[in-house]
Structure formats: C-alpha cells, structure tokens
Amino acid sequence: MELGNFGGYPTQQILPETGRILVAEPFLSDNYFKRSVVLLTEFTPEGSIGFILNKPLDISIQDVMADTPDFDALVLMGGPVGRDTLHFLHTLGDTIQGSRKIMEGIYWGGDFEKIKELIQSGRIYPDEIKFFIGYSGWSPGQLEQEIQQKSWFVLPGQTEYIMNHDTSHLWNKILKDQGEEYAGFANYPVDPMLN
C-alpha cells in the first residue's frame, strides 16, 4: 500500500510495521490519541498493538507494583485497552527473560519479577525502562484504514524518541525532526478555530 499526498499532508512512502512510530495528525480529536505518539509493538494481519509514548500519569511504579522500592521511572497511559494491565518497554535486551525485540535496542515485556529484582538491587536505571497502564489496539485492517483517513503519520522508530522522558514536547519534536514537510504541523494550534 502506498500512501500519497493528501492535499497539503506529507507524502508518505513508509508503511506501518512493528517498530514504527505513529504520530497523530494535528486535529485528531480522540481523547486518548489527541497529539499522541504511539510505538507499534505488533503489526500483523490479525491486528496491531502499540503504546502511547507521551501521556504520563501522575503515579509512580510503587503505586502499581507492590514491594517495589523508590524508582523514578515513567508510568504512562499506554492506551484505552486493558487499563487494568501493566506493560513495559526497556533497553535491557536478554537481561529480561521473555522480552520481545521490537527494534534495535528496544524490547517489550518480559519477567516482572526480574524487573523488581533489578530495581531492588540498583542494577536498572529509570531511563532504561518505561511502564504503561493499558495499551493501544487495532483490529485487522483498522489501523491501515485510519492511516488512509489521515489520522496518523507513520515514521521510523528511534530509541531517542521511545525512551525520552521529556514527553511534554515529544509530538512537536518528532514532527520538527522530520524536516520541512512535517515541521509546519508542529505549530498548528490544538483548536483549529484559533488558527
């Protein structure tokens, strides 16, 4: 599937796949996905899964993971699905048994007990892991349809975006980093009536 120029929108040649980033178009008004950046951790004919990278929650990992010492890792809203589940992305690779490699240097999930052990022993740092409450999910063909409807820009995943703890400007930064074709979108007002 090749995506063309949508009347002022960048010409997209990149297709969704595991390890790619979805960046919400400026006027996407969905409560969960407004101005969001999502890492795709699974993209298959059976559907897609991802995690919102720029919606931090005002809670600590100690609030959701019992018997965990103070640890200043980010806890984010991963999406509207499974809001009673805890997930994590990390850079620790095979150190965490059961991890799935998403792209070079980024892994999804694994053994929670090992994470707790590493936190307790001080062998993991907050910038090596991000926790997520819930996840983002799409049924077969749903994400492709949303992309065709111009809801998302599909961009290459980069570790600096995925593990960045300054989430407040991530959406703007990624768009500006893509060059002139995307940079203008970063300055669009949240409310188009203010333009």
Foldseek 3Di string as FASTA:
>chain_A
DFAQDDVLADGARDDDAQQKKWAFFQAPDPPFRHRWIWHWHGDDLQWTWTFTQQAFDPDAVCVVDPPAPDAPATEGAGTDAQLVDKWKKFQPPPLFAPWDDRDVRITIGGDPVSVRVCRVVVNDHRLGMHMHRGIDITGRPRVVVCVNVVRIHIGGHDSCLRSPPPSPCSSQVVQVVVDDSRNVSSPQDSDNVVD
